[in-house]
PDB file of N, CA and C in Angstrom:
ATOM      1  N   MET A   1     -90.838 175.757 124.583  1.00  0.00           N
ATOM      2  CA  MET A   1     -91.768 175.361 124.002  1.00  0.00           C
ATOM      3  C   MET A   1     -92.413 173.991 124.765  1.00  0.00           C
ATOM      4  N   THR A   2     -93.667 174.367 124.476  1.00  0.00           N
ATOM      5  CA  THR A   2     -94.470 173.201 125.769  1.00  0.00           C
ATOM      6  C   THR A   2     -95.018 172.184 124.569  1.00  0.00           C
ATOM      7  N   ALA A   3     -94.615 170.668 124.947  1.00  0.00           N
ATOM      8  CA  ALA A   3     -95.168 169.897 124.411  1.00  0.00           C
ATOM      9  C   ALA A   3     -96.746 169.765 124.304  1.00  0.00           C
ATOM     10  N   SER A   4     -97.733 169.022 123.514  1.00  0.00           N
ATOM     11  CA  SER A   4     -98.889 168.342 123.569  1.00  0.00           C
ATOM     12  C   SER A   4     -98.628 166.864 123.920  1.00  0.00           C
ATOM     13  N   PRO A   5    -100.114 167.038 124.280  1.00  0.00           N
ATOM     14  CA  PRO A   5    -100.103 165.114 124.661  1.00  0.00           C
ATOM     15  C   PRO A   5    -100.147 164.652 123.201  1.00  0.00           C
ATOM     16  N   ALA A   6    -100.710 164.565 121.939  1.00  0.00           N
ATOM     17  CA  ALA A   6    -100.292 164.399 121.136  1.00  0.00           C
ATOM     18  C   ALA A   6     -98.725 164.321 119.997  1.00  0.00           C
ATOM     19  N   GLU A   7     -98.282 165.262 121.146  1.00  0.00           N
ATOM     20  CA  GLU A   7     -97.225 164.835 120.200  1.00  0.00           C
ATOM     21  C   GLU A   7     -96.308 163.954 121.572  1.00  0.00           C
ATOM     22  N   THR A   8     -96.641 164.033 122.607  1.00  0.00           N
ATOM     23  CA  THR A   8     -95.862 162.566 123.615  1.00  0.00           C
ATOM     24  C   THR A   8     -96.121 161.914 123.243  1.00  0.00           C
ATOM     25  N   GLU A   9     -97.751 161.254 123.140  1.00  0.00           N
ATOM     26  CA  GLU A   9     -97.993 160.359 122.205  1.00  0.00           C
ATOM     27  C   GLU A   9     -97.347 159.902 120.941  1.00  0.00           C
ATOM     28  N   THR A  10     -97.246 160.255 120.298  1.00  0.00           N
ATOM     29  CA  THR A  10     -96.597 160.554 119.345  1.00  0.00           C
ATOM     30  C   THR A  10     -95.370 159.763 119.405  1.00  0.00           C
ATOM     31  N   PHE A  11     -94.359 160.200 120.347  1.00  0.00           N
ATOM     32  CA  PHE A  11     -92.628 159.971 120.185  1.00  0.00           C
ATOM     33  C   PHE A  11     -92.208 158.398 121.394  1.00  0.00           C
ATOM     34  N   ARG A  12     -94.399 158.576 122.008  1.00  0.00           N
ATOM     35  CA  ARG A  12     -93.853 156.809 123.198  1.00  0.00           C
ATOM     36  C   ARG A  12     -94.495 156.017 122.392  1.00  0.00           C
ATOM     37  N   ARG A  13     -94.961 156.557 120.692  1.00  0.00           N
ATOM     38  CA  ARG A  13     -95.099 155.123 120.206  1.00  0.00           C
ATOM     39  C   ARG A  13     -94.049 154.891 118.694  1.00  0.00           C
ATOM     40  N   ALA A  14     -92.909 155.838 119.213  1.00  0.00           N
ATOM     41  CA  ALA A  14     -91.961 155.371 118.053  1.00  0.00           C
ATOM     42  C   ALA A  14     -90.953 154.891 119.157  1.00  0.00           C
ATOM     43  N   VAL A  15     -91.207 155.316 120.535  1.00  0.00           N
ATOM     44  CA  VAL A  15     -89.881 154.094 121.014  1.00  0.00           C
ATOM     45  C   VAL A  15     -90.673 153.431 121.447  1.00  0.00           C
ATOM     46  N   ASP A  16     -92.041 152.839 121.343  1.00  0.00           N
ATOM     47  CA  ASP A  16     -92.425 151.065 121.565  1.00  0.00           C
ATOM     48  C   ASP A  16     -92.051 150.552 120.493  1.00  0.00           C
ATOM     49  N   PHE A  17     -92.513 151.646 119.367  1.00  0.00           N
ATOM     50  CA  PHE A  17     -91.978 150.687 117.781  1.00  0.00           C
ATOM     51  C   PHE A  17     -90.435 150.139 117.862  1.00  0.00           C
ATOM     52  N   ALA A  18     -90.001 151.302 117.907  1.00  0.00           N
ATOM     53  CA  ALA A  18     -88.152 151.123 118.036  1.00  0.00           C
ATOM     54  C   ALA A  18     -88.171 149.189 118.756  1.00  0.00           C
ATOM     55  N   LEU A  19     -88.634 149.754 119.935  1.00  0.00           N
ATOM     56  CA  LEU A  19     -88.015 148.857 121.149  1.00  0.00           C
ATOM     57  C   LEU A  19     -88.770 147.343 120.557  1.00  0.00           C
ATOM     58  N   ASP A  20     -90.022 147.341 120.131  1.00  0.00           N
ATOM     59  CA  ASP A  20     -90.280 145.876 119.646  1.00  0.00           C
ATOM     60  C   ASP A  20     -89.504 145.305 118.495  1.00  0.00           C
ATOM     61  N   ILE A  21     -89.608 146.021 117.614  1.00  0.00           N
ATOM     62  CA  ILE A  21     -88.401 145.793 116.378  1.00  0.00           C
ATOM     63  C   ILE A  21     -86.950 145.053 117.043  1.00  0.00           C
ATOM     64  N   LEU A  22     -86.049 146.089 117.432  1.00  0.00           N
ATOM     65  CA  LEU A  22     -85.162 145.304 118.853  1.00  0.00           C
ATOM     66  C   LEU A  22     -85.524 144.482 119.382  1.00  0.00           C
ATOM     67  N   ILE A  23     -86.002 143.853 120.413  1.00  0.00           N
ATOM     68  CA  ILE A  23     -86.410 143.047 120.862  1.00  0.00           C
ATOM     69  C   ILE A  23     -87.146 141.706 120.184  1.00  0.00           C
ATOM     70  N   VAL A  24     -87.923 142.068 118.993  1.00  0.00           N
ATOM     71  CA  VAL A  24     -87.847 140.925 117.962  1.00  0.00           C
ATOM     72  C   VAL A  24     -86.661 140.550 117.228  1.00  0.00           C
ATOM     73  N   ALA A  25     -85.253 141.174 116.893  1.00  0.00           N
ATOM     74  CA  ALA A  25     -84.546 141.210 115.951  1.00  0.00           C
ATOM     75  C   ALA A  25     -83.741 139.645 117.169  1.00  0.00           C
ATOM     76  N   LEU A  26     -83.876 140.061 118.569  1.00  0.00           N
ATOM     77  CA  LEU A  26     -82.866 139.903 119.639  1.00  0.00           C
ATOM     78  C   LEU A  26     -83.069 138.207 119.542  1.00  0.00           C
ATOM     79  N   LYS A  27     -85.005 138.801 119.949  1.00  0.00           N
ATOM     80  CA  LYS A  27     -85.773 136.742 119.973  1.00  0.00           C
ATOM     81  C   LYS A  27     -85.019 136.087 118.807  1.00  0.00           C
ATOM     82  N   GLU A  28     -85.411 136.708 117.798  1.00  0.00           N
ATOM     83  CA  GLU A  28     -85.235 135.879 116.397  1.00  0.00           C
ATOM     84  C   GLU A  28     -83.477 135.134 116.837  1.00  0.00           C
ATOM     85  N   ALA A  29     -82.581 135.939 116.489  1.00  0.00           N
ATOM     86  CA  ALA A  29     -81.080 135.585 116.796  1.00  0.00           C
ATOM     87  C   ALA A  29     -81.116 134.418 118.030  1.00  0.00           C
ATOM     88  N   GLN A  30     -81.713 134.474 118.838  1.00  0.00           N
ATOM     89  CA  GLN A  30     -81.385 133.694 120.393  1.00  0.00           C
ATOM     90  C   GLN A  30     -82.075 132.469 119.799  1.00  0.00           C
ATOM     91  N   ASP A  31     -83.838 132.382 119.374  1.00  0.00           N
ATOM     92  CA  ASP A  31     -84.459 131.043 118.842  1.00  0.00           C
ATOM     93  C   ASP A  31     -83.676 130.328 117.705  1.00  0.00           C
ATOM     94  N   TYR A  32     -82.970 131.272 116.917  1.00  0.00           N
ATOM     95  CA  TYR A  32     -82.019 130.528 115.296  1.00  0.00           C
ATOM     96  C   TYR A  32     -80.606 129.707 116.620  1.00  0.00           C
ATOM     97  N   LEU A  33     -80.086 130.876 117.327  1.00  0.00           N
ATOM     98  CA  LEU A  33     -78.965 129.698 118.179  1.00  0.00           C
ATOM     99  C   LEU A  33     -78.949 128.841 118.798  1.00  0.00           C
ATOM    100  N   GLY A  34     -80.278 128.610 119.740  1.00  0.00           N
ATOM    101  CA  GLY A  34     -81.070 127.892 120.381  1.00  0.00           C
ATOM    102  C   GLY A  34     -81.456 126.618 119.459  1.00  0.00           C
ATOM    103  N   GLY A  35     -81.914 126.718 117.964  1.00  0.00           N
ATOM    104  CA  GLY A  35     -81.737 125.944 117.280  1.00  0.00           C
ATOM    105  C   GLY A  35     -80.494 124.949 116.406  1.00  0.00           C
ATOM    106  N   GLY A  36     -80.004 125.997 117.148  1.00  0.00           N
ATOM    107  CA  GLY A  36     -77.980 125.315 115.904  1.00  0.00           C
ATOM    108  C   GLY A  36     -78.027 125.996 114.709  1.00  0.00           C
ATOM    109  N   ASN A  37     -78.859 127.158 114.903  1.00  0.00           N
ATOM    110  CA  ASN A  37     -78.423 127.863 113.053  1.00  0.00           C
ATOM    111  C   ASN A  37     -77.445 128.995 113.658  1.00  0.00           C
ATOM    112  N   ASP A  38     -75.936 128.852 113.704  1.00  0.00           N
ATOM    113  CA  ASP A  38     -75.442 129.801 113.816  1.00  0.00           C
ATOM    114  C   ASP A  38     -75.372 130.901 112.888  1.00  0.00           C
ATOM    115  N   LEU A  39     -74.903 130.349 111.214  1.00  0.00           N
ATOM    116  CA  LEU A  39     -75.151 131.687 110.688  1.00  0.00           C
ATOM    117  C   LEU A  39     -76.260 132.624 110.878  1.00  0.00           C
ATOM    118  N   ALA A  40     -77.711 132.258 110.669  1.00  0.00           N
ATOM    119  CA  ALA A  40     -78.651 132.731 110.089  1.00  0.00           C
ATOM    120  C   ALA A  40     -78.932 133.693 112.012  1.00  0.00           C
ATOM    121  N   ALA A  41     -78.336 133.429 113.130  1.00  0.00           N
ATOM    122  CA  ALA A  41     -78.505 134.226 113.603  1.00  0.00           C
ATOM    123  C   ALA A  41     -77.313 135.668 113.863  1.00  0.00           C
ATOM    124  N   ILE A  42     -76.117 134.813 113.742  1.00  0.00           N
ATOM    125  CA  ILE A  42     -75.362 136.117 112.816  1.00  0.00           C
ATOM    126  C   ILE A  42     -75.742 137.374 111.553  1.00  0.00           C
ATOM    127  N   GLY A  43     -76.749 136.923 110.464  1.00  0.00           N
ATOM    128  CA  GLY A  43     -77.322 137.448 109.845  1.00  0.00           C
ATOM    129  C   GLY A  43     -78.238 138.203 110.452  1.00  0.00           C
ATOM    130  N   THR A  44     -79.003 137.493 111.543  1.00  0.00           N
ATOM    131  CA  THR A  44     -79.704 138.502 111.992  1.00  0.00           C
ATOM    132  C   THR A  44     -79.152 139.785 112.687  1.00  0.00           C
ATOM    133  N   LEU A  45     -78.275 139.365 113.366  1.00  0.00           N
ATOM    134  CA  LEU A  45     -77.710 140.526 113.866  1.00  0.00           C
ATOM    135  C   LEU A  45     -76.528 140.903 113.854  1.00  0.00           C
ATOM    136  N   MET A  46     -76.413 140.997 111.905  1.00  0.00           N
ATOM    137  CA  MET A  46     -75.599 142.012 111.054  1.00  0.00           C
ATOM    138  C   MET A  46     -75.778 143.619 111.796  1.00  0.00           C
ATOM    139  N   ASP A  47     -77.470 143.747 111.860  1.00  0.00           N
ATOM    140  CA  ASP A  47     -77.543 145.272 111.017  1.00  0.00           C
ATOM    141  C   ASP A  47     -77.962 146.019 112.830  1.00  0.00           C
ATOM    142  N   ILE A  48     -77.590 145.017 113.673  1.00  0.00           N
ATOM    143  CA  ILE A  48     -77.944 145.046 115.480  1.00  0.00           C
ATOM    144  C   ILE A  48     -78.211 146.875 115.757  1.00  0.00           C
ATOM    145  N   ASP A  49     -76.557 147.251 115.373  1.00  0.00           N
ATOM    146  CA  ASP A  49     -76.601 148.895 115.662  1.00  0.00           C
ATOM    147  C   ASP A  49     -77.404 149.084 115.328  1.00  0.00           C
ATOM    148  N   GLU A  50     -77.443 149.237 113.997  1.00  0.00           N
ATOM    149  CA  GLU A  50     -78.532 150.119 113.191  1.00  0.00           C
ATOM    150  C   GLU A  50     -79.772 150.443 114.278  1.00  0.00           C
ATOM    151  N   ARG A  51     -80.318 148.565 114.480  1.00  0.00           N
ATOM    152  CA  ARG A  51     -81.969 148.684 115.483  1.00  0.00           C
ATOM    153  C   ARG A  51     -81.412 149.484 116.358  1.00  0.00           C
ATOM    154  N   PHE A  52     -80.815 149.753 117.155  1.00  0.00           N
ATOM    155  CA  PHE A  52     -80.038 150.029 118.128  1.00  0.00           C
ATOM    156  C   PHE A  52     -80.658 151.734 118.157  1.00  0.00           C
ATOM    157  N   GLY A  53     -79.483 152.044 116.826  1.00  0.00           N
ATOM    158  CA  GLY A  53     -79.370 153.506 116.464  1.00  0.00           C
ATOM    159  C   GLY A  53     -81.221 154.006 116.993  1.00  0.00           C
ATOM    160  N   ASP A  54     -81.841 153.342 115.860  1.00  0.00           N
ATOM    161  CA  ASP A  54     -83.554 153.905 116.117  1.00  0.00           C
ATOM    162  C   ASP A  54     -83.982 153.893 117.365  1.00  0.00           C
ATOM    163  N   PHE A  55     -83.583 153.114 118.275  1.00  0.00           N
ATOM    164  CA  PHE A  55     -84.203 153.362 119.828  1.00  0.00           C
ATOM    165  C   PHE A  55     -83.682 154.007 119.701  1.00  0.00           C
ATOM    166  N   LYS A  56     -82.006 154.338 119.989  1.00  0.00           N
ATOM    167  CA  LYS A  56     -81.926 155.373 120.646  1.00  0.00           C
ATOM    168  C   LYS A  56     -82.105 156.685 120.120  1.00  0.00           C
ATOM    169  N   ALA A  57     -82.581 156.682 119.318  1.00  0.00           N
ATOM    170  CA  ALA A  57     -83.048 157.919 118.680  1.00  0.00           C
ATOM    171  C   ALA A  57     -84.597 158.031 118.350  1.00  0.00           C
ATOM    172  N   ALA A  58     -85.287 157.035 119.380  1.00  0.00           N
ATOM    173  CA  ALA A  58     -86.599 157.905 119.552  1.00  0.00           C
ATOM    174  C   ALA A  58     -86.860 157.818 120.521  1.00  0.00           C
ATOM    175  N   MET A  59     -85.474 157.477 122.069  1.00  0.00           N
ATOM    176  CA  MET A  59     -85.373 157.553 123.035  1.00  0.00           C
ATOM    177  C   MET A  59     -85.236 159.236 123.275  1.00  0.00           C
ATOM    178  N   ARG A  60     -84.233 159.169 122.192  1.00  0.00           N
ATOM    179  CA  ARG A  60     -84.238 160.900 122.717  1.00  0.00           C
ATOM    180  C   ARG A  60     -84.909 161.625 122.388  1.00  0.00           C
ATOM    181  N   LEU A  61     -85.408 161.267 121.388  1.00  0.00           N
ATOM    182  CA  LEU A  61     -87.062 162.115 121.126  1.00  0.00           C
ATOM    183  C   LEU A  61     -87.700 162.510 121.940  1.00  0.00           C
ATOM    184  N   PHE A  62     -88.455 161.236 122.551  1.00  0.00           N
ATOM    185  CA  PHE A  62     -89.517 161.118 123.628  1.00  0.00           C
ATOM    186  C   PHE A  62     -88.568 161.864 124.687  1.00  0.00           C
ATOM    187  N   PHE A  63     -87.560 161.626 125.245  1.00  0.00           N
ATOM    188  CA  PHE A  63     -86.771 162.274 126.542  1.00  0.00           C
ATOM    189  C   PHE A  63     -86.819 163.963 126.403  1.00  0.00           C
ATOM    190  N   HIS A  64     -86.771 164.403 124.741  1.00  0.00           N
ATOM    191  CA  HIS A  64     -86.933 166.158 125.102  1.00  0.00           C
ATOM    192  C   HIS A  64     -88.237 166.165 124.869  1.00  0.00           C
ATOM    193  N   ASN A  65     -88.771 165.651 124.574  1.00  0.00           N
ATOM    194  CA  ASN A  65     -90.525 165.823 124.737  1.00  0.00           C
ATOM    195  C   ASN A  65     -90.826 166.000 125.984  1.00  0.00           C
ATOM    196  N   ARG A  66     -90.253 164.840 126.311  1.00  0.00           N
ATOM    197  CA  ARG A  66     -91.035 165.068 128.188  1.00  0.00           C
ATOM    198  C   ARG A  66     -90.622 165.939 129.083  1.00  0.00           C
ATOM    199  N   ARG A  67     -89.462 166.299 128.540  1.00  0.00           N
ATOM    200  CA  ARG A  67     -88.499 167.395 129.640  1.00  0.00           C
ATOM    201  C   ARG A  67     -89.144 168.195 129.536  1.00  0.00           C
ATOM    202  N   ASN A  68     -89.902 168.779 128.240  1.00  0.00           N
ATOM    203  CA  ASN A  68     -90.680 169.996 127.574  1.00  0.00           C
ATOM    204  C   ASN A  68     -92.243 169.585 128.192  1.00  0.00           C
ATOM    205  N   THR A  69     -92.613 168.982 128.767  1.00  0.00           N
ATOM    206  CA  THR A  69     -94.183 168.722 129.000  1.00  0.00           C
ATOM    207  C   THR A  69     -94.249 168.945 130.162  1.00  0.00           C
ATOM    208  N   PRO A  70     -95.109 170.004 130.645  1.00  0.00           N
ATOM    209  CA  PRO A  70     -95.501 170.318 132.244  1.00  0.00           C
ATOM    210  C   PRO A  70     -95.695 169.326 133.088  1.00  0.00           C
TER     211      PRO A  70
END
């Protein structure tokens, strides 16, 4: 099955969105650490595995889509 350009763009946007969320969380935690607010940094990173899982899922879909695109 060949992927359409619209499907490819959808998956590309999903990867971009998931990556943005991951970057924002990491930057927020870094800012908290830099400001000496260790507990806030820890709280921000508590669900980082879930956020990274979302990114990996988006990447997996994007990869499979690109593999099926001529």
